[in-house]
Protein backbone atom coordinates (compact mmCIF):
# COMPACT_ATOMS: atom_id res chain seq x y z
CA MET A 1 -28.89 -11.86 -5.62
CA ARG A 2 -28.47 -13.86 -8.83
CA ASP A 3 -28.82 -10.67 -10.90
CA ASP A 4 -26.01 -9.06 -8.90
CA ASP A 5 -23.79 -12.08 -9.42
CA ALA A 6 -24.53 -12.05 -13.14
CA LEU A 7 -23.68 -8.36 -13.43
CA ALA A 8 -20.45 -8.91 -11.50
CA SER A 9 -19.50 -11.77 -13.80
CA VAL A 10 -20.19 -9.70 -16.91
CA GLU A 11 -18.15 -6.80 -15.56
CA GLU A 12 -15.23 -9.07 -14.71
CA SER A 13 -15.33 -10.77 -18.11
CA GLU A 14 -15.33 -7.43 -19.94
CA ASN A 15 -12.64 -5.72 -17.87
CA GLY A 16 -9.06 -6.90 -17.58
CA LEU A 17 -7.15 -7.03 -14.30
CA LEU A 18 -5.19 -3.86 -15.03
CA SER A 19 -8.23 -1.79 -16.00
CA ALA A 20 -10.06 -2.99 -12.91
CA LEU A 21 -7.17 -1.92 -10.67
CA VAL A 22 -6.61 1.41 -12.40
CA GLY A 23 -10.33 2.20 -12.54
CA ASP A 24 -10.98 5.83 -13.37
CA GLY A 25 -7.35 6.74 -12.65
CA ARG A 26 -7.88 7.99 -9.11
CA PRO A 27 -6.21 4.91 -7.55
CA LEU A 28 -3.03 5.86 -9.44
CA LEU A 29 -3.16 9.41 -8.12
CA GLY A 30 -3.85 8.01 -4.67
CA LEU A 31 -0.68 5.93 -4.90
CA LEU A 32 1.20 9.07 -6.02
CA ALA A 33 -0.01 10.93 -2.93
CA ILE A 34 0.83 8.05 -0.62
CA GLY A 35 4.25 7.76 -2.26
CA LEU A 36 4.91 11.44 -1.51
CA ILE A 37 3.84 11.01 2.12
CA VAL A 38 6.03 7.92 2.56
CA SER A 39 8.97 9.76 0.97
CA GLY A 40 8.43 12.63 3.37
CA LEU A 41 8.37 10.29 6.37
CA PHE A 42 11.55 8.63 5.10
CA ALA A 43 13.27 12.03 4.86
CA LEU A 44 12.22 12.78 8.45
CA PHE A 45 13.53 9.40 9.63
CA LEU A 46 16.91 9.91 7.97
CA SER A 47 17.17 13.39 9.44
CA ALA A 48 16.17 12.25 12.94
CA THR A 49 18.90 9.58 12.85
CA MET A 50 21.35 11.94 11.06
CA THR A 51 21.89 9.33 8.36
CA PHE A 52 23.45 10.33 5.05
CA LEU A 53 22.37 8.40 1.96
CA PRO A 54 25.06 6.26 0.30
CA GLN A 55 25.22 8.55 -2.74
CA ASP A 56 25.73 11.57 -0.46
CA VAL A 57 28.80 9.94 1.10
CA ALA A 58 30.07 8.79 -2.29
CA PHE A 59 29.57 12.25 -3.81
CA LEU A 60 31.31 14.04 -0.95
CA GLY A 61 34.07 11.45 -0.64
CA MET A 62 34.20 12.42 3.01
CA ASP A 63 33.38 10.69 6.28
CA PRO A 64 30.23 12.31 7.74
CA LYS A 65 31.85 12.09 11.20
CA ALA A 66 34.69 14.30 10.00
CA LEU A 67 32.15 16.78 8.66
CA CYS A 68 30.28 16.70 11.96
CA ALA A 69 33.47 17.54 13.85
CA LEU A 70 33.49 21.01 12.27
CA HIS A 71 32.02 23.88 14.31
CA GLU A 72 29.75 21.87 16.62
CA CYS A 73 28.42 19.75 13.73
CA ARG A 74 26.56 22.78 12.38
CA ILE A 75 27.17 21.99 8.70
CA VAL A 76 25.57 18.58 9.16
CA HIS A 77 22.69 20.07 11.15
CA PHE A 78 22.16 22.63 8.41
CA ILE A 79 21.96 19.92 5.75
CA PHE A 80 19.36 17.97 7.70
CA HIS A 81 17.31 21.05 8.54
CA ASP A 82 16.64 21.46 4.80
CA ARG A 83 15.73 17.79 4.53
CA VAL A 84 13.28 17.97 7.43
CA SER A 85 11.62 20.99 5.80
CA PHE A 86 11.46 19.13 2.48
CA GLY A 87 9.95 16.08 4.16
CA GLY A 88 7.27 18.26 5.73
CA THR A 89 6.27 19.71 2.35
CA LEU A 90 6.01 16.22 0.84
CA ILE A 91 3.65 15.07 3.58
CA ALA A 92 1.62 18.29 3.32
CA VAL A 93 1.17 18.20 -0.46
CA GLY A 94 0.49 14.45 -0.42
CA THR A 95 -2.31 15.03 2.09
CA LEU A 96 -3.90 17.70 -0.09
CA TYR A 97 -3.60 15.48 -3.16
CA LEU A 98 -5.49 12.72 -1.34
CA TRP A 99 -8.33 15.15 -0.62
CA LEU A 100 -8.40 16.40 -4.22
CA MET A 101 -8.50 12.87 -5.54
CA ALA A 102 -11.12 11.63 -3.07
CA PHE A 103 -13.65 14.47 -3.40
CA PRO A 104 -13.65 17.21 -6.07
CA LEU A 105 -11.94 15.11 -8.75
CA LYS A 106 -14.37 12.27 -8.04
CA ARG A 107 -17.18 14.72 -8.78
CA GLY A 108 -15.51 15.71 -12.05
CA GLU A 109 -14.56 19.24 -11.03
CA GLU A 110 -12.10 20.39 -13.66
CA TRP A 111 -10.22 22.85 -11.44
CA ALA A 112 -9.20 19.95 -9.18
CA TRP A 113 -7.66 18.08 -12.13
CA TRP A 114 -5.69 21.16 -13.18
CA THR A 115 -4.57 21.84 -9.62
CA LEU A 116 -3.11 18.35 -9.43
CA ALA A 117 -1.55 18.71 -12.88
CA VAL A 118 0.13 22.09 -12.33
CA SER A 119 1.21 21.45 -8.73
CA SER A 120 2.72 18.05 -9.54
CA THR A 121 4.47 19.44 -12.61
CA ILE A 122 6.21 22.07 -10.46
CA GLY A 123 7.28 19.39 -8.01
CA PHE A 124 8.73 17.09 -10.66
CA ALA A 125 10.32 19.96 -12.59
CA SER A 126 12.23 21.13 -9.51
CA PHE A 127 14.36 17.99 -9.82
CA LEU A 128 15.81 19.48 -13.02
CA CYS A 129 17.60 22.07 -10.90
CA CYS A 130 20.32 19.43 -10.62
CA LEU A 131 21.49 20.74 -14.01
CA ILE A 132 22.43 23.99 -12.22
CA TYR A 133 24.16 22.68 -9.11
CA LYS A 134 25.44 19.50 -10.83
CA TYR A 135 24.56 16.93 -8.19
CA LEU A 136 22.35 14.05 -9.28
CA ASP A 137 20.76 12.41 -6.24
CA THR A 138 20.16 8.90 -7.55
CA TRP A 139 17.69 7.94 -4.82
CA HIS A 140 15.70 11.12 -5.40
CA GLY A 141 15.84 10.42 -9.13
CA MET A 142 14.67 6.82 -8.73
CA ALA A 143 11.78 7.89 -6.49
CA SER A 144 10.76 10.54 -9.04
CA LEU A 145 10.91 8.00 -11.88
CA ALA A 146 8.80 5.56 -9.85
CA LEU A 147 6.14 8.20 -9.15
CA LEU A 148 6.17 9.79 -12.62
CA PRO A 149 4.10 7.03 -14.34
CA LEU A 150 1.47 7.28 -11.58
CA TYR A 151 1.28 11.02 -12.23
CA VAL A 152 1.14 10.77 -16.03
CA PHE A 153 -1.27 7.83 -16.36
CA GLY A 154 -3.34 8.93 -13.37
CA LEU A 155 -3.99 12.32 -14.94
CA TRP A 156 -4.62 10.77 -18.35
CA CYS A 157 -7.19 8.30 -17.03
CA THR A 158 -8.99 10.81 -14.81
CA ARG A 159 -9.70 13.02 -17.84
CA SER A 160 -12.73 10.77 -18.35
CA LEU A 161 -14.22 12.19 -15.14
CA LEU A 162 -14.23 15.75 -16.47
CA PRO A 163 -17.20 17.33 -18.26
CA GLU A 164 -17.34 17.16 -22.05
CA GLN A 165 -17.23 20.93 -22.38
CA ARG A 166 -14.01 21.90 -20.67
CA ALA A 167 -12.53 25.28 -19.81
CA GLY A 168 -8.98 23.96 -19.68
CA ILE A 169 -6.49 25.57 -17.34
CA ARG A 170 -8.79 28.60 -17.17
CA SER A 171 -10.99 26.55 -14.85
CA LEU A 172 -8.52 27.41 -12.08
CA LEU A 173 -9.57 31.05 -12.29
CA GLN A 174 -13.25 30.69 -13.20
CA ASN A 175 -16.28 30.34 -10.97
CA GLY A 176 -14.39 30.54 -7.71
CA VAL A 177 -16.15 30.61 -4.35
CA PRO A 178 -17.22 34.20 -3.53
CA LEU A 179 -14.88 35.86 -1.03
CA ARG A 180 -16.88 37.57 1.72
CA LEU A 181 -14.27 39.26 3.88
CA LYS A 182 -16.80 40.47 6.48
CA ALA A 183 -17.79 36.89 7.26
CA ARG A 184 -15.62 34.70 9.50
CA GLU A 185 -15.29 32.01 6.83
CA GLY A 186 -14.48 34.54 4.12
CA PHE A 187 -11.76 36.17 6.21
CA GLY A 188 -10.25 32.76 6.96
CA ARG A 189 -10.35 31.85 3.30
CA ALA A 190 -8.56 35.12 2.46
CA CYS A 191 -5.84 34.32 5.01
CA LEU A 192 -5.24 30.90 3.45
CA LEU A 193 -5.28 32.34 -0.07
CA PHE A 194 -2.64 34.86 1.00
CA ILE A 195 -0.47 32.13 2.54
CA GLY A 196 -0.87 29.90 -0.50
CA ALA A 197 0.32 32.69 -2.80
CA GLY A 198 3.15 33.51 -0.41
CA MET A 199 4.28 29.88 -0.34
CA VAL A 200 4.40 29.77 -4.14
CA LEU A 201 6.50 32.93 -4.24
CA ALA A 202 8.78 31.80 -1.40
CA GLY A 203 9.19 28.34 -2.92
CA CYS A 204 10.20 29.77 -6.31
CA VAL A 205 12.68 32.14 -4.68
CA ILE A 206 14.20 29.33 -2.58
CA MET A 207 14.36 27.03 -5.60
CA ILE A 208 16.12 29.63 -7.77
CA LEU A 209 18.41 31.19 -5.18
CA GLY A 210 19.06 27.83 -3.55
CA SER A 211 20.35 26.51 -6.86
CA THR A 212 22.56 29.53 -7.52
CA ILE A 213 23.50 31.73 -4.54
CA VAL A 214 22.52 28.88 -2.15
CA PHE A 215 22.96 30.77 1.16
CA VAL A 216 21.42 33.80 2.82
CA PRO A 217 23.54 35.82 5.29
CA GLN A 218 21.89 34.18 8.32
CA ASP A 219 22.97 30.75 7.05
CA ILE A 220 26.62 31.79 6.91
CA THR A 221 26.41 33.30 10.39
CA TYR A 222 24.92 30.06 11.73
CA PHE A 223 27.47 27.53 10.48
CA GLY A 224 30.41 29.92 10.72
CA PHE A 225 31.97 29.41 7.29
CA THR A 226 31.96 31.52 4.16
CA PRO A 227 31.21 29.81 0.82
CA ALA A 228 34.92 30.01 -0.01
CA GLN A 229 35.79 28.25 3.25
CA LEU A 230 33.18 25.56 2.57
CA ASN A 231 34.72 24.98 -0.85
CA ALA A 232 38.12 24.65 0.82
CA ILE A 233 36.71 22.00 3.19
CA ASN A 234 35.06 20.11 0.34
CA PRO A 235 34.23 21.56 -3.11
CA ARG A 236 31.16 19.31 -3.30
CA LEU A 237 29.52 20.51 -0.11
CA ILE A 238 27.73 23.48 -1.66
CA PRO A 239 26.25 21.46 -4.58
CA LEU A 240 24.92 18.92 -2.04
CA ILE A 241 23.32 21.68 0.04
CA ALA A 242 21.96 23.37 -3.11
CA HIS A 243 20.22 20.12 -4.05
CA ASP A 244 18.35 20.05 -0.73
CA ARG A 245 17.42 23.73 -0.97
CA ALA A 246 16.04 23.36 -4.51
CA GLY A 247 14.03 20.30 -3.50
CA PHE A 248 12.50 22.13 -0.55
CA GLY A 249 11.71 25.15 -2.72
CA GLY A 250 9.95 23.01 -5.31
CA GLY A 251 7.95 21.20 -2.66
CA LEU A 252 6.96 24.47 -1.00
CA ALA A 253 5.82 26.00 -4.30
CA ALA A 254 3.80 22.89 -5.19
CA THR A 255 2.12 22.90 -1.77
CA GLY A 256 1.38 26.63 -1.90
CA LEU A 257 -0.17 26.37 -5.35
CA CYS A 258 -2.38 23.55 -4.11
CA VAL A 259 -3.49 25.55 -1.05
CA PHE A 260 -4.22 28.63 -3.17
CA PHE A 261 -6.42 26.97 -5.80
CA VAL A 262 -8.17 24.74 -3.29
CA MET A 263 -9.16 27.79 -1.23
CA LYS A 264 -10.22 29.68 -4.33
CA ASN A 265 -12.44 26.97 -5.77
CA ALA A 266 -13.50 24.49 -3.10
CA ARG A 267 -16.47 24.54 -0.77
CA LEU A 268 -15.38 24.37 2.86
CA THR A 269 -16.16 20.98 4.35
CA ARG A 270 -15.03 18.91 7.30
CA ALA A 271 -12.77 16.75 5.13
CA LEU A 272 -11.12 19.76 3.48
CA TRP A 273 -10.58 21.48 6.82
CA GLN A 274 -8.96 18.34 8.23
CA ALA A 275 -6.67 18.07 5.20
CA LEU A 276 -5.63 21.73 5.51
CA LEU A 277 -5.06 21.34 9.25
CA LEU A 278 -2.85 18.28 8.79
CA ALA A 279 -0.95 19.89 5.90
CA GLY A 280 -0.29 23.02 7.95
CA LEU A 281 0.81 21.10 11.04
CA THR A 282 3.31 19.01 9.11
CA GLY A 283 4.53 21.73 6.76
CA PHE A 284 4.99 24.60 9.20
CA GLY A 285 5.76 22.28 12.09
CA CYS A 286 8.72 20.71 10.30
CA ALA A 287 10.00 23.93 8.70
CA ILE A 288 9.92 25.93 11.94
CA GLY A 289 10.36 23.24 14.56
CA ILE A 290 13.66 21.88 13.24
CA HIS A 291 15.43 25.22 13.83
CA TYR A 292 15.23 25.11 17.63
CA PRO A 293 16.98 21.81 18.44
CA MET A 294 19.79 22.72 16.01
CA GLY A 295 20.24 26.18 17.53
CA TYR A 296 19.40 28.13 14.38
CA THR A 297 17.18 30.72 16.06
CA SER A 298 17.89 33.88 14.07
CA VAL A 299 14.84 36.12 14.48
CA SER A 300 15.19 37.63 11.00
CA HIS A 301 15.43 34.15 9.48
CA LEU A 302 12.42 32.69 11.31
CA ALA A 303 10.19 35.77 11.26
CA PRO A 304 8.70 35.13 7.76
CA ALA A 305 7.94 31.51 8.63
CA TRP A 306 6.35 32.39 11.96
CA THR A 307 4.32 35.16 10.33
CA GLY A 308 3.06 32.73 7.72
CA ALA A 309 2.27 30.12 10.36
CA ILE A 310 0.26 32.60 12.46
CA ILE A 311 -1.77 33.77 9.46
CA TYR A 312 -2.33 30.13 8.48
CA ILE A 313 -3.56 29.34 12.00
CA VAL A 314 -5.96 32.30 11.88
CA GLY A 315 -7.24 30.98 8.55
CA ILE A 316 -7.71 27.49 9.93
CA VAL A 317 -9.55 28.75 13.02
CA CYS A 318 -11.85 30.98 10.97
CA THR A 319 -12.68 28.27 8.43
CA ARG A 320 -13.42 25.59 11.01
CA PRO A 321 -16.72 23.99 9.98
CA ALA A 322 -19.76 24.44 12.15
CA SER A 323 -20.85 21.60 14.38
CA ARG A 324 -23.06 19.01 12.74
CA LYS A 325 -26.13 20.37 14.49
CA GLU A 326 -25.51 23.77 12.90
CA GLU A 327 -24.59 22.54 9.41
CA VAL A 328 -26.91 23.09 6.47
CA VAL A 329 -27.32 19.85 4.58
CA ASP A 330 -25.84 19.98 1.07
CA PRO A 331 -26.76 16.80 -0.83
CA VAL A 332 -23.78 17.22 -3.15
CA LEU A 333 -21.21 17.46 -0.36
CA VAL A 334 -22.85 15.42 2.38
CA ALA A 335 -20.47 12.48 1.92
CA GLU A 336 -17.43 14.76 2.18
CA THR A 337 -18.80 16.52 5.25
CA GLU A 338 -19.29 13.24 7.05
């Protein structure tokens, strides 16, 4: 007991408070993930209460009630449907980041570090789309600035966990888990890989088109106004909507990239399956579910999302871990499995 106390005293005398709190950097990345989840929940709360942020009102220079009076409040509903979808992606990607930080990164697996680095970079970079649509969301900007140091210093500190001989970003494509399509698990993994790649592609398309063209034909049919008519109502409406679309696209791409490289490189475990299940429920649940209460039920608009959700569900069902009685004990992953 005295030896333990002596070692604790030596460790405390050698380490400062900050280094003890930061540790190997994973606590910083954990705070980043929690910050994303909290931000996502906040976006859902604002959407559920149909509350515009102060900078939204100031930017529009228009009473939200007056905007809601137009065409059964569909413009307002459309704005919040993007924000609900964005909130779902934040919760989904934050959940996957927590798993990456808690398990493979802890073991020093380089692909996990690069997955966090590339996925987070896409998410933060999507904020720069404001240069295209010319609307700077100050709350979004402040949240990004608050999370950015956690991202930068968290990644910098966790480099110490990686092996001395590193493959760099190539680790994302090297030594992946073999894909056995004839096996139930392999087929499920292929489904999730396909959805991850599809989410990256869809997110990039939404981010680019959402910042430029902004609307698809189904959107215009839903709220009943052409872009020219929206500009006549308020010339700042389209930039505000473009901001939400670009944010959702960036979040979707970051989440899809995370799903893809996790399924390519990670061993399937109970903890990973739970993280993927929760991410899918929140991501697809928010993106699809919000359309029905607002009356935006265009089949052609929802078909890609429903198709993706069904394939994701198949992947989740097929990759469900065996019961504990059937599991083969892996000493490396036993803590994660339990």
